[in-house]
């Protein structure tokens, strides 16, 4: 999870508001997650140190454009700060010294998602939850169908992502590519975004001297490996952030498809015996608390509507299944 302001600029004010909610809920979620016997060796999972936007001197107009768009989409947002080159070096001394201006988005945070999922999976196993991996499923109210047959339930919650495309006709996949590198030569305290006229690269620090780098958003449902062009662009942009990345080891290159509706906003469909939550696009971890809390309210038949735009009664009339 990262960048509730940054994602709002390229999406919707509702993403910003759900992101505000998420930043309050994530620390509580992690506090409530039981610790394993090895908890003393478990890295901290959530950080609220903001995120940093920088641009090369010739591209500094991208920072001003970002501020203009942010104030247009989220006029109430004032939780950012312009930084000088010296202030950038004070916050992140391992970045290249030629960055003369930057924006600190102070209220943002990031999550070590893989480590979180590992702890969550351990807890599900401890609770004797039945898990079936790599299984194609189709759903109906009260029913889950697999190759081995059908099972009945009081309630089915469908959060299959793009796996639901055969039944959610308005769902599409958007390709994303990431690069994972490892180096002990550079340390970052927060996510860093490089603003560029053609792409916006982000770097997020991870445990064990690892960093995840991404920028691409391609309107394609191609799951094939990362292209040479993308790998060159990601690597070259990463090097311009800090020459120390030159000796970083590439440990993983990944592609996947983000589930999205046409407006790139999440939606919850409710029928008797079935709740569908989907379309989180590239904001999955950021928006998860808002979506989960609204699903729980529906299960409890609580009339509280935290985020009205999530509930899609009109689309249910069109039968998304």
Protein backbone atom coordinates (compact mmCIF):
# COMPACT_ATOMS: atom_id res chain seq x y z
CA UNK A 1 0.00 0.00 0.00
CA UNK A 2 1.23 3.47 -0.76
CA UNK A 3 0.30 6.98 -1.84
CA UNK A 4 -3.32 7.88 -1.15
CA UNK A 5 -2.73 11.40 -2.51
CA UNK A 6 -0.72 10.16 -5.48
CA UNK A 7 -3.41 7.70 -6.50
CA UNK A 8 -6.16 10.29 -6.07
CA UNK A 9 -4.54 12.50 -8.71
CA UNK A 10 -4.88 9.78 -11.35
CA UNK A 11 -8.19 8.38 -10.12
CA UNK A 12 -10.95 9.87 -7.96
CA UNK A 13 -11.54 11.81 -4.75
CA UNK A 14 -13.21 8.70 -3.33
CA UNK A 15 -9.84 6.91 -3.51
CA UNK A 16 -8.38 9.69 -1.37
CA UNK A 17 -11.16 9.43 1.23
CA UNK A 18 -11.00 5.64 1.37
CA UNK A 19 -7.22 5.98 1.65
CA UNK A 20 -7.63 8.26 4.67
CA UNK A 21 -9.79 5.58 6.25
CA UNK A 22 -7.21 2.90 5.41
CA UNK A 23 -4.35 4.75 7.08
CA UNK A 24 -6.34 4.69 10.32
CA UNK A 25 -7.40 1.06 10.02
CA UNK A 26 -4.19 -0.67 8.92
CA UNK A 27 -2.30 -0.13 12.19
CA UNK A 28 -5.29 -1.50 14.11
CA UNK A 29 -5.61 -4.50 11.80
CA UNK A 30 -1.95 -5.37 12.29
CA UNK A 31 -2.22 -4.90 16.04
CA UNK A 32 -5.15 -7.33 16.11
CA UNK A 33 -3.29 -9.97 14.09
CA UNK A 34 -1.96 -12.62 16.52
CA UNK A 35 1.81 -12.80 16.62
CA UNK A 36 3.60 -16.06 15.85
CA UNK A 37 6.14 -17.69 18.14
CA UNK A 38 8.81 -16.10 15.92
CA UNK A 39 7.29 -12.64 16.24
CA UNK A 40 10.54 -11.21 17.57
CA UNK A 41 12.06 -11.92 14.14
CA UNK A 42 9.09 -10.50 12.23
CA UNK A 43 9.81 -7.13 10.60
CA UNK A 44 7.58 -4.16 11.23
CA UNK A 45 4.85 -4.18 8.60
CA UNK A 46 3.36 -0.68 8.41
CA UNK A 47 5.12 2.67 8.12
CA UNK A 48 3.57 6.13 8.16
CA UNK A 49 6.55 8.23 7.10
CA UNK A 50 4.94 9.81 4.07
CA UNK A 51 6.17 9.50 0.51
CA UNK A 52 8.53 11.65 -1.51
CA UNK A 53 8.06 12.93 -5.06
CA UNK A 54 11.13 14.12 -6.96
CA UNK A 55 11.89 15.16 -10.53
CA UNK A 56 15.05 15.82 -12.48
CA UNK A 57 15.72 19.57 -12.94
CA UNK A 58 14.45 19.54 -16.54
CA UNK A 59 11.22 17.84 -15.42
CA UNK A 60 10.36 19.95 -12.35
CA UNK A 61 7.23 21.23 -14.07
CA UNK A 62 5.82 17.72 -13.48
CA UNK A 63 5.84 18.44 -9.74
CA UNK A 64 3.89 21.66 -10.21
CA UNK A 65 1.43 19.86 -12.49
CA UNK A 66 0.99 17.20 -9.80
CA UNK A 67 0.20 19.85 -7.19
CA UNK A 68 -2.31 21.53 -9.54
CA UNK A 69 -4.09 18.24 -10.21
CA UNK A 70 -4.07 17.29 -6.54
CA UNK A 71 -5.68 20.59 -5.55
CA UNK A 72 -8.28 20.14 -8.28
CA UNK A 73 -9.22 16.55 -7.38
CA UNK A 74 -8.86 16.93 -3.59
CA UNK A 75 -9.24 20.64 -2.79
CA UNK A 76 -9.28 19.94 0.95
CA UNK A 77 -5.83 18.33 0.82
CA UNK A 78 -3.09 20.46 2.36
CA UNK A 79 -0.95 17.68 3.87
CA UNK A 80 2.03 18.11 1.57
CA UNK A 81 5.19 20.17 1.72
CA UNK A 82 7.53 21.55 -0.92
CA UNK A 83 11.16 20.61 -0.32
CA UNK A 84 14.46 22.11 -1.42
CA UNK A 85 17.40 20.02 -2.57
CA UNK A 86 18.96 20.26 0.88
CA UNK A 87 15.73 19.11 2.54
CA UNK A 88 15.50 16.16 0.14
CA UNK A 89 19.04 15.14 1.07
CA UNK A 90 18.19 15.45 4.77
CA UNK A 91 15.20 13.12 4.39
CA UNK A 92 16.77 10.65 1.95
CA UNK A 93 20.56 11.15 1.86
CA UNK A 94 21.11 8.21 -0.50
CA UNK A 95 19.19 9.83 -3.35
CA UNK A 96 21.12 11.57 -6.14
CA UNK A 97 22.15 15.09 -5.11
CA UNK A 98 20.90 16.71 -8.34
CA UNK A 99 17.26 16.73 -7.20
CA UNK A 100 16.59 20.40 -6.40
CA UNK A 101 12.85 20.30 -5.64
CA UNK A 102 10.45 17.73 -4.29
CA UNK A 103 7.09 17.18 -2.65
CA UNK A 104 6.67 15.37 0.65
CA UNK A 105 3.19 13.83 0.97
CA UNK A 106 3.23 13.68 4.74
CA UNK A 107 0.16 11.57 5.52
CA UNK A 108 0.96 8.64 3.26
CA UNK A 109 2.20 5.24 4.35
CA UNK A 110 3.37 1.90 3.02
CA UNK A 111 2.87 -1.73 3.94
CA UNK A 112 5.16 -4.74 3.68
CA UNK A 113 2.45 -6.70 1.91
CA UNK A 114 4.14 -10.05 1.35
CA UNK A 115 5.14 -10.34 4.98
CA UNK A 116 1.61 -9.38 5.98
CA UNK A 117 0.11 -12.07 3.74
CA UNK A 118 2.48 -14.65 5.22
CA UNK A 119 1.33 -13.80 8.75
CA UNK A 120 -2.30 -13.79 7.65
CA UNK A 121 -1.88 -17.18 5.99
CA UNK A 122 -0.28 -18.59 9.14
CA UNK A 123 -3.26 -17.39 11.15
CA UNK A 124 -5.75 -18.99 8.76
CA UNK A 125 -3.91 -22.30 9.08
CA UNK A 126 -3.88 -21.96 12.87
CA UNK A 127 -7.66 -21.49 12.79
CA UNK A 128 -8.07 -24.65 10.68
CA UNK A 129 -9.55 -22.74 7.76
CA UNK A 130 -9.83 -24.99 4.70
CA UNK A 131 -7.73 -23.53 1.88
CA UNK A 132 -7.84 -24.79 -1.70
CA UNK A 133 -5.11 -23.30 -3.84
CA UNK A 134 -4.97 -22.97 -7.64
CA UNK A 135 -8.60 -23.98 -8.03
CA UNK A 136 -10.92 -22.64 -10.71
CA UNK A 137 -14.27 -21.69 -9.21
CA UNK A 138 -17.59 -20.28 -10.32
CA UNK A 139 -20.14 -18.84 -7.96
CA UNK A 140 -23.87 -18.43 -7.53
CA UNK A 141 -25.81 -17.28 -4.48
CA UNK A 142 -25.14 -19.81 -1.68
CA UNK A 143 -23.06 -21.96 -4.09
CA UNK A 144 -19.40 -22.47 -5.01
CA UNK A 145 -18.69 -24.75 -7.98
CA UNK A 146 -15.33 -26.38 -8.72
CA UNK A 147 -14.25 -29.31 -10.91
CA UNK A 148 -14.84 -31.61 -7.96
CA UNK A 149 -18.48 -30.50 -7.56
CA UNK A 150 -20.67 -27.92 -5.84
CA UNK A 151 -20.79 -26.85 -2.20
CA UNK A 152 -23.55 -24.94 -0.44
CA UNK A 153 -23.01 -22.13 2.06
CA UNK A 154 -25.10 -19.67 4.05
CA UNK A 155 -23.20 -16.88 2.31
CA UNK A 156 -20.61 -16.73 -0.45
CA UNK A 157 -18.17 -13.80 -0.56
CA UNK A 158 -16.62 -13.53 -4.01
CA UNK A 159 -13.30 -11.65 -4.10
CA UNK A 160 -11.65 -13.48 -6.98
CA UNK A 161 -10.31 -10.43 -8.75
CA UNK A 162 -9.88 -11.09 -12.45
CA UNK A 163 -10.86 -14.70 -11.84
CA UNK A 164 -14.45 -13.43 -11.80
CA UNK A 165 -14.28 -12.03 -15.33
CA UNK A 166 -16.28 -14.88 -16.85
CA UNK A 167 -19.20 -13.86 -14.63
CA UNK A 168 -18.59 -10.12 -14.17
CA UNK A 169 -18.85 -9.01 -17.76
CA UNK A 170 -17.81 -5.40 -17.09
CA UNK A 171 -14.52 -6.39 -15.45
CA UNK A 172 -11.24 -5.96 -17.31
CA UNK A 173 -7.57 -6.64 -16.58
CA UNK A 174 -4.89 -3.93 -16.67
CA UNK A 175 -1.31 -5.14 -17.01
CA UNK A 176 1.34 -4.06 -14.50
CA UNK A 177 5.04 -4.88 -14.40
CA UNK A 178 7.41 -4.72 -11.44
CA UNK A 179 11.11 -5.12 -10.85
CA UNK A 180 12.51 -6.35 -7.53
CA UNK A 181 16.11 -5.55 -6.66
CA UNK A 182 18.35 -6.15 -3.67
CA UNK A 183 21.22 -3.99 -2.46
CA UNK A 184 22.74 -2.89 0.83
CA UNK A 185 24.28 0.19 -0.81
CA UNK A 186 21.19 2.37 -0.47
CA UNK A 187 18.59 2.89 2.23
CA UNK A 188 15.23 4.62 1.85
CA UNK A 189 12.86 5.53 4.67
CA UNK A 190 9.74 5.92 2.53
CA UNK A 191 8.42 5.32 -1.00
CA UNK A 192 9.95 7.60 -3.61
CA UNK A 193 8.26 8.54 -6.88
CA UNK A 194 10.16 9.91 -9.85
CA UNK A 195 7.97 12.27 -11.87
CA UNK A 196 8.69 12.06 -15.59
CA UNK A 197 6.78 13.25 -18.70
CA UNK A 198 6.42 9.69 -20.04
CA UNK A 199 6.22 7.51 -16.92
CA UNK A 200 6.09 7.83 -13.16
CA UNK A 201 8.36 5.34 -11.47
CA UNK A 202 7.91 4.41 -7.83
CA UNK A 203 10.38 2.70 -5.50
CA UNK A 204 9.18 1.15 -2.26
CA UNK A 205 11.64 -0.11 0.39
CA UNK A 206 11.09 -3.68 1.57
CA UNK A 207 12.70 -5.90 4.24
CA UNK A 208 16.15 -7.44 3.77
CA UNK A 209 17.57 -4.67 1.57
CA UNK A 210 14.99 -5.20 -1.15
CA UNK A 211 13.15 -2.62 -3.23
CA UNK A 212 10.16 -2.98 -5.52
CA UNK A 213 10.05 -0.75 -8.58
CA UNK A 214 7.08 -0.18 -10.84
CA UNK A 215 5.74 2.33 -13.32
CA UNK A 216 3.86 0.56 -16.07
CA UNK A 217 0.10 0.56 -16.55
CA UNK A 218 -0.83 -1.07 -19.83
CA UNK A 219 -4.35 -1.57 -21.19
CA UNK A 220 -3.76 -5.20 -21.98
CA UNK A 221 -4.65 -8.60 -20.52
CA UNK A 222 -1.33 -10.09 -21.60
CA UNK A 223 0.30 -12.04 -18.74
CA UNK A 224 3.56 -12.76 -20.59
CA UNK A 225 6.92 -11.86 -18.98
CA UNK A 226 8.26 -8.31 -18.61
CA UNK A 227 9.30 -6.77 -21.92
CA UNK A 228 12.85 -5.68 -22.66
CA UNK A 229 11.66 -2.10 -23.11
CA UNK A 230 10.00 -2.03 -19.69
CA UNK A 231 13.01 -3.57 -17.96
CA UNK A 232 15.34 -1.02 -19.57
CA UNK A 233 13.10 1.90 -18.64
CA UNK A 234 12.66 0.73 -15.05
CA UNK A 235 16.36 0.03 -14.59
CA UNK A 236 17.52 3.28 -16.22
CA UNK A 237 15.10 5.41 -14.21
CA UNK A 238 16.12 3.61 -11.03
CA UNK A 239 19.79 4.37 -11.73
CA UNK A 240 19.01 8.08 -12.12
CA UNK A 241 17.46 8.09 -8.64
CA UNK A 242 20.77 6.94 -7.21
CA UNK A 243 23.91 5.58 -8.89
CA UNK A 244 24.17 3.20 -5.93
CA UNK A 245 21.46 1.13 -7.59
CA UNK A 246 23.97 0.23 -10.35
CA UNK A 247 25.21 -2.77 -8.34
CA UNK A 248 21.76 -3.86 -7.16
CA UNK A 249 20.91 -7.45 -7.97
CA UNK A 250 17.70 -8.13 -9.88
CA UNK A 251 16.00 -10.85 -7.86
CA UNK A 252 12.57 -10.87 -9.47
CA UNK A 253 10.62 -9.51 -12.44
CA UNK A 254 6.88 -9.88 -12.31
CA UNK A 255 3.77 -9.16 -14.34
CA UNK A 256 0.14 -9.44 -13.36
CA UNK A 257 -3.30 -8.08 -14.18
CA UNK A 258 -5.18 -5.64 -11.98
CA UNK A 259 -8.96 -6.16 -11.91
CA UNK A 260 -10.79 -2.97 -12.85
CA UNK A 261 -14.14 -1.65 -13.97
CA UNK A 262 -14.36 1.15 -16.53
CA UNK A 263 -14.15 3.88 -13.88
CA UNK A 264 -11.24 2.12 -12.10
CA UNK A 265 -13.17 2.20 -8.81
CA UNK A 266 -14.07 -0.77 -6.56
CA UNK A 267 -17.63 -2.03 -6.33
CA UNK A 268 -19.64 -4.25 -4.00
CA UNK A 269 -22.63 -6.20 -5.31
CA UNK A 270 -25.04 -7.75 -2.82
CA UNK A 271 -27.67 -10.44 -3.34
CA UNK A 272 -29.23 -12.90 -0.95
CA UNK A 273 -26.54 -15.48 -0.30
CA UNK A 274 -23.84 -13.64 -2.24
CA UNK A 275 -21.57 -10.60 -1.81
CA UNK A 276 -19.16 -9.66 -4.59
CA UNK A 277 -16.24 -7.28 -3.97
CA UNK A 278 -14.06 -6.47 -6.95
CA UNK A 279 -12.44 -3.83 -9.13
CA UNK A 280 -9.78 -2.55 -6.73
CA UNK A 281 -7.48 -1.87 -9.71
CA UNK A 282 -4.00 -0.77 -8.58
CA UNK A 283 -5.23 0.30 -5.13
CA UNK A 284 -5.82 -3.13 -3.59
CA UNK A 285 -4.07 -2.76 -0.25
CA UNK A 286 -4.92 0.92 -0.02
CA UNK A 287 -8.65 0.40 -0.41
CA UNK A 288 -8.94 -3.00 1.31
CA UNK A 289 -10.01 -1.60 4.73
CA UNK A 290 -12.87 0.43 3.21
CA UNK A 291 -14.10 -2.52 1.13
CA UNK A 292 -13.78 -5.04 3.97
CA UNK A 293 -15.55 -2.82 6.50
CA UNK A 294 -18.46 -2.27 4.11
CA UNK A 295 -18.70 -6.00 3.37
CA UNK A 296 -18.77 -6.72 7.11
CA UNK A 297 -21.54 -4.17 7.53
CA UNK A 298 -23.55 -5.96 4.83
CA UNK A 299 -23.01 -9.34 6.50
CA UNK A 300 -24.16 -7.95 9.84
CA UNK A 301 -27.11 -6.31 8.07
CA UNK A 302 -25.90 -3.06 9.51
CA UNK A 303 -27.49 -0.13 7.69
CA UNK A 304 -24.30 1.89 8.07
CA UNK A 305 -23.00 2.91 4.65
CA UNK A 306 -19.42 4.05 5.09
CA UNK A 307 -18.76 4.66 1.41
CA UNK A 308 -22.01 4.92 -0.61
CA UNK A 309 -20.26 4.72 -3.99
CA UNK A 310 -19.05 1.20 -3.20
CA UNK A 311 -22.55 -0.31 -3.14
CA UNK A 312 -23.79 -0.86 -6.66
CA UNK A 313 -27.54 -1.49 -6.49
CA UNK A 314 -28.13 -0.15 -9.99
CA UNK A 315 -25.66 -2.57 -11.53
CA UNK A 316 -27.28 -5.45 -9.70
CA UNK A 317 -30.45 -4.72 -11.62
CA UNK A 318 -28.43 -5.32 -14.77
CA UNK A 319 -27.35 -8.71 -13.33
CA UNK A 320 -23.52 -8.68 -13.38
CA UNK A 321 -23.51 -12.48 -13.10
